[in-house]
Structure formats: C-alpha cells, structure tokens
Amino acid sequence: MHKIKGFGILSMQEIIGLEKEMHLNFPEDYKQFLMNKNGGAPEENYLSTVIPSHGEEIVLGALLGINENENFDLESWYKEYSDELMSHH
C-alpha cells in the first residue's frame, strides 16, 4: 500500500497493548503495517480494491491505527462497533 500517507509509526509494545485491549491477535502483515504507517489516509481521495472471493470492489477512505482523532482510531471504532463484529472464537 504505497499510496497511503501514514499517521506515524507504532512500537510492537503499543500494538501488543492494543491487541490485549481488543482481545484480538492481529496478523503479522497488519502488525508490520501498523509499525510502519500506524494507519493512514490515501494520498489521493480514496483507494479501492476488489475482494477476490466476492468480486466486489470496496472503497477505502482511511485505514485505522492508534490516533488521538477518534475518526482514525482503531480502538475507538472497535468500542463503538464491536457488538456488530463476527465472533472470532
């Protein structure tokens, strides 16, 4: 995702803390993304990608990380919408 303007970087300790808070284990490639970019916004207006298993295009306006701005903060969104997520057990 070279067209993303990141929000900064995260340490592995911050990512592990977020995983514990959210009771999740992030995939290794996502952890690397968070360490290198901490989420971010597209350099252009948006990014789109196709989900191969569904053939559907999705549009991305932002990728969440740890951010003081709740609009871009992964934990804030998780707290707000966790009851709508599929079970991971």
N, C-alpha and C. Protein backbone atom coordinates (compact mmCIF):
# COMPACT_ATOMS: atom_id res chain seq x y z
N MET A 1 0.84 -1.17 0.00
CA MET A 1 0.00 0.00 0.00
C MET A 1 0.89 1.24 0.00
N HIS A 2 1.53 1.48 -1.08
CA HIS A 2 2.45 2.59 -1.19
C HIS A 2 1.75 3.93 -1.40
N LYS A 3 0.45 3.96 -1.60
CA LYS A 3 -0.29 5.19 -1.82
C LYS A 3 -0.97 5.68 -0.55
N ILE A 4 -0.49 5.24 0.60
CA ILE A 4 -1.05 5.63 1.89
C ILE A 4 -0.10 6.59 2.58
N LYS A 5 -0.63 7.72 3.02
CA LYS A 5 0.13 8.65 3.84
C LYS A 5 -0.13 8.26 5.28
N GLY A 6 0.87 7.66 5.93
CA GLY A 6 0.70 7.13 7.27
C GLY A 6 0.56 8.20 8.33
N PHE A 7 0.07 7.78 9.49
CA PHE A 7 -0.10 8.66 10.64
C PHE A 7 1.11 8.65 11.56
N GLY A 8 2.13 7.89 11.22
CA GLY A 8 3.31 7.80 12.06
C GLY A 8 3.76 6.35 12.16
N ILE A 9 4.36 6.00 13.26
CA ILE A 9 4.81 4.63 13.50
C ILE A 9 4.34 4.19 14.88
N LEU A 10 4.29 2.89 15.08
CA LEU A 10 3.94 2.33 16.38
C LEU A 10 5.03 1.35 16.80
N SER A 11 5.22 1.21 18.08
CA SER A 11 6.12 0.20 18.60
C SER A 11 5.36 -1.12 18.72
N MET A 12 6.09 -2.21 18.80
CA MET A 12 5.45 -3.51 19.00
C MET A 12 4.72 -3.54 20.34
N GLN A 13 5.25 -2.85 21.35
CA GLN A 13 4.58 -2.80 22.65
C GLN A 13 3.21 -2.13 22.54
N GLU A 14 3.12 -1.05 21.75
CA GLU A 14 1.83 -0.38 21.56
C GLU A 14 0.84 -1.30 20.85
N ILE A 15 1.32 -2.04 19.87
CA ILE A 15 0.45 -2.96 19.13
C ILE A 15 -0.03 -4.10 20.03
N ILE A 16 0.88 -4.65 20.81
CA ILE A 16 0.51 -5.72 21.74
C ILE A 16 -0.51 -5.21 22.76
N GLY A 17 -0.32 -3.98 23.24
CA GLY A 17 -1.29 -3.39 24.17
C GLY A 17 -2.66 -3.24 23.53
N LEU A 18 -2.70 -2.84 22.26
CA LEU A 18 -3.96 -2.71 21.55
C LEU A 18 -4.62 -4.07 21.35
N GLU A 19 -3.83 -5.09 21.01
CA GLU A 19 -4.37 -6.44 20.88
C GLU A 19 -4.99 -6.91 22.19
N LYS A 20 -4.31 -6.67 23.30
CA LYS A 20 -4.83 -7.08 24.60
C LYS A 20 -6.12 -6.35 24.92
N GLU A 21 -6.14 -5.04 24.67
CA GLU A 21 -7.34 -4.23 24.94
C GLU A 21 -8.53 -4.71 24.13
N MET A 22 -8.26 -5.13 22.88
CA MET A 22 -9.34 -5.54 21.98
C MET A 22 -9.58 -7.06 22.02
N HIS A 23 -8.76 -7.80 22.77
CA HIS A 23 -8.87 -9.25 22.86
C HIS A 23 -8.75 -9.89 21.48
N LEU A 24 -7.76 -9.43 20.70
CA LEU A 24 -7.53 -9.91 19.34
C LEU A 24 -6.05 -10.19 19.13
N ASN A 25 -5.76 -10.97 18.10
CA ASN A 25 -4.40 -11.16 17.62
C ASN A 25 -4.37 -10.73 16.17
N PHE A 26 -3.65 -9.65 15.89
CA PHE A 26 -3.56 -9.16 14.51
C PHE A 26 -2.64 -10.04 13.68
N PRO A 27 -2.91 -10.19 12.39
CA PRO A 27 -1.99 -10.90 11.50
C PRO A 27 -0.65 -10.16 11.44
N GLU A 28 0.41 -10.91 11.21
CA GLU A 28 1.75 -10.33 11.19
C GLU A 28 1.89 -9.20 10.17
N ASP A 29 1.29 -9.34 8.99
CA ASP A 29 1.43 -8.29 7.98
C ASP A 29 0.72 -7.00 8.43
N TYR A 30 -0.37 -7.13 9.18
CA TYR A 30 -1.05 -5.95 9.69
C TYR A 30 -0.21 -5.28 10.78
N LYS A 31 0.44 -6.10 11.63
CA LYS A 31 1.33 -5.54 12.64
C LYS A 31 2.46 -4.75 11.98
N GLN A 32 3.02 -5.29 10.90
CA GLN A 32 4.07 -4.59 10.17
C GLN A 32 3.55 -3.27 9.60
N PHE A 33 2.34 -3.30 9.06
CA PHE A 33 1.72 -2.09 8.53
C PHE A 33 1.56 -1.05 9.64
N LEU A 34 1.07 -1.47 10.80
CA LEU A 34 0.90 -0.54 11.92
C LEU A 34 2.24 0.01 12.39
N MET A 35 3.26 -0.83 12.44
CA MET A 35 4.58 -0.38 12.86
C MET A 35 5.13 0.66 11.87
N ASN A 36 4.90 0.46 10.59
CA ASN A 36 5.46 1.33 9.57
C ASN A 36 4.62 2.56 9.26
N LYS A 37 3.30 2.46 9.40
CA LYS A 37 2.41 3.55 8.98
C LYS A 37 1.44 4.01 10.06
N ASN A 38 1.09 3.15 11.01
CA ASN A 38 0.07 3.44 12.03
C ASN A 38 -1.23 3.88 11.38
N GLY A 39 -1.69 3.12 10.42
CA GLY A 39 -2.89 3.51 9.68
C GLY A 39 -2.52 4.62 8.72
N GLY A 40 -3.52 5.30 8.20
CA GLY A 40 -3.24 6.41 7.31
C GLY A 40 -4.40 6.70 6.39
N ALA A 41 -4.16 7.68 5.54
CA ALA A 41 -5.17 8.09 4.57
C ALA A 41 -4.57 8.01 3.18
N PRO A 42 -5.39 7.71 2.19
CA PRO A 42 -4.88 7.66 0.82
C PRO A 42 -4.30 9.00 0.40
N GLU A 43 -3.22 8.96 -0.38
CA GLU A 43 -2.63 10.20 -0.90
C GLU A 43 -3.60 10.87 -1.86
N GLU A 44 -4.42 10.07 -2.53
CA GLU A 44 -5.47 10.60 -3.39
C GLU A 44 -6.75 10.61 -2.56
N ASN A 45 -7.89 10.84 -3.15
CA ASN A 45 -9.14 10.91 -2.40
C ASN A 45 -9.51 9.60 -1.72
N TYR A 46 -9.24 8.48 -2.37
CA TYR A 46 -9.57 7.17 -1.81
C TYR A 46 -8.79 6.10 -2.55
N LEU A 47 -8.78 4.92 -1.99
CA LEU A 47 -8.24 3.72 -2.63
C LEU A 47 -9.38 2.74 -2.82
N SER A 48 -9.29 1.94 -3.83
CA SER A 48 -10.28 0.87 -3.98
C SER A 48 -9.54 -0.42 -4.28
N THR A 49 -10.17 -1.50 -3.90
CA THR A 49 -9.62 -2.82 -4.15
C THR A 49 -10.78 -3.78 -4.34
N VAL A 50 -10.51 -4.88 -4.99
CA VAL A 50 -11.53 -5.90 -5.22
C VAL A 50 -11.28 -7.06 -4.27
N ILE A 51 -12.33 -7.51 -3.60
CA ILE A 51 -12.25 -8.69 -2.75
C ILE A 51 -12.36 -9.90 -3.66
N PRO A 52 -11.28 -10.67 -3.83
CA PRO A 52 -11.30 -11.77 -4.79
C PRO A 52 -12.40 -12.80 -4.56
N SER A 53 -12.68 -13.14 -3.30
CA SER A 53 -13.66 -14.17 -3.03
C SER A 53 -15.09 -13.74 -3.37
N HIS A 54 -15.33 -12.43 -3.42
CA HIS A 54 -16.67 -11.92 -3.69
C HIS A 54 -16.77 -11.18 -5.02
N GLY A 55 -15.63 -10.76 -5.57
CA GLY A 55 -15.64 -9.98 -6.79
C GLY A 55 -16.18 -8.58 -6.59
N GLU A 56 -16.28 -8.15 -5.33
CA GLU A 56 -16.81 -6.83 -5.00
C GLU A 56 -15.68 -5.84 -4.83
N GLU A 57 -15.91 -4.62 -5.30
CA GLU A 57 -14.97 -3.54 -5.07
C GLU A 57 -15.32 -2.85 -3.76
N ILE A 58 -14.30 -2.59 -2.95
CA ILE A 58 -14.52 -1.80 -1.74
C ILE A 58 -13.68 -0.54 -1.85
N VAL A 59 -14.17 0.52 -1.26
CA VAL A 59 -13.51 1.82 -1.29
C VAL A 59 -12.99 2.12 0.11
N LEU A 60 -11.73 2.52 0.19
CA LEU A 60 -11.11 2.85 1.47
C LEU A 60 -10.87 4.35 1.54
N GLY A 61 -11.41 4.98 2.57
CA GLY A 61 -11.17 6.40 2.78
C GLY A 61 -10.08 6.63 3.82
N ALA A 62 -9.87 5.65 4.70
CA ALA A 62 -8.84 5.74 5.73
C ALA A 62 -8.58 4.34 6.27
N LEU A 63 -7.38 4.13 6.76
CA LEU A 63 -7.01 2.90 7.46
C LEU A 63 -6.68 3.29 8.89
N LEU A 64 -7.27 2.60 9.83
CA LEU A 64 -7.20 2.99 11.23
C LEU A 64 -5.90 2.54 11.89
N GLY A 65 -5.49 3.30 12.88
CA GLY A 65 -4.34 2.98 13.71
C GLY A 65 -4.62 3.48 15.11
N ILE A 66 -3.58 3.81 15.85
CA ILE A 66 -3.74 4.44 17.15
C ILE A 66 -3.62 5.94 16.91
N ASN A 67 -4.68 6.66 17.21
CA ASN A 67 -4.74 8.06 16.83
C ASN A 67 -5.55 8.84 17.85
N GLU A 68 -5.14 10.06 18.17
CA GLU A 68 -5.91 10.90 19.08
C GLU A 68 -7.25 11.32 18.48
N ASN A 69 -7.29 11.41 17.16
CA ASN A 69 -8.53 11.73 16.45
C ASN A 69 -9.37 10.45 16.38
N GLU A 70 -10.51 10.43 17.05
CA GLU A 70 -11.34 9.22 17.12
C GLU A 70 -11.80 8.73 15.75
N ASN A 71 -11.85 9.62 14.76
CA ASN A 71 -12.24 9.20 13.42
C ASN A 71 -11.25 8.23 12.80
N PHE A 72 -10.01 8.25 13.27
CA PHE A 72 -8.96 7.40 12.71
C PHE A 72 -8.38 6.43 13.73
N ASP A 73 -9.04 6.29 14.87
CA ASP A 73 -8.53 5.47 15.96
C ASP A 73 -9.19 4.09 15.98
N LEU A 74 -8.41 3.05 15.82
CA LEU A 74 -8.91 1.68 15.76
C LEU A 74 -9.65 1.28 17.03
N GLU A 75 -9.10 1.62 18.17
CA GLU A 75 -9.75 1.22 19.43
C GLU A 75 -11.10 1.92 19.61
N SER A 76 -11.20 3.19 19.23
CA SER A 76 -12.47 3.90 19.35
C SER A 76 -13.55 3.26 18.48
N TRP A 77 -13.17 2.91 17.25
CA TRP A 77 -14.12 2.25 16.35
C TRP A 77 -14.50 0.88 16.88
N TYR A 78 -13.53 0.15 17.42
CA TYR A 78 -13.80 -1.17 17.98
C TYR A 78 -14.80 -1.07 19.12
N LYS A 79 -14.60 -0.11 20.02
CA LYS A 79 -15.52 0.04 21.15
C LYS A 79 -16.92 0.41 20.66
N GLU A 80 -16.99 1.22 19.64
CA GLU A 80 -18.28 1.67 19.12
C GLU A 80 -19.04 0.56 18.40
N TYR A 81 -18.32 -0.29 17.65
CA TYR A 81 -18.98 -1.25 16.76
C TYR A 81 -18.68 -2.71 17.07
N SER A 82 -18.05 -3.01 18.19
CA SER A 82 -17.66 -4.40 18.48
C SER A 82 -18.86 -5.34 18.55
N ASP A 83 -20.00 -4.84 18.94
CA ASP A 83 -21.18 -5.71 19.02
C ASP A 83 -21.70 -6.11 17.64
N GLU A 84 -21.20 -5.46 16.58
CA GLU A 84 -21.63 -5.79 15.22
C GLU A 84 -20.64 -6.71 14.49
N LEU A 85 -19.52 -7.03 15.13
CA LEU A 85 -18.49 -7.86 14.51
C LEU A 85 -18.83 -9.34 14.68
N MET A 86 -18.33 -10.11 13.71
CA MET A 86 -18.49 -11.56 13.81
C MET A 86 -17.63 -12.08 14.95
N SER A 87 -18.07 -13.13 15.57
CA SER A 87 -17.30 -13.76 16.64
C SER A 87 -16.01 -14.33 16.07
N HIS A 88 -14.93 -14.20 16.81
CA HIS A 88 -13.64 -14.73 16.37
C HIS A 88 -13.25 -15.99 17.14
N HIS A 89 -14.18 -16.64 17.78
CA HIS A 89 -13.90 -17.87 18.56
C HIS A 89 -14.11 -19.08 17.71
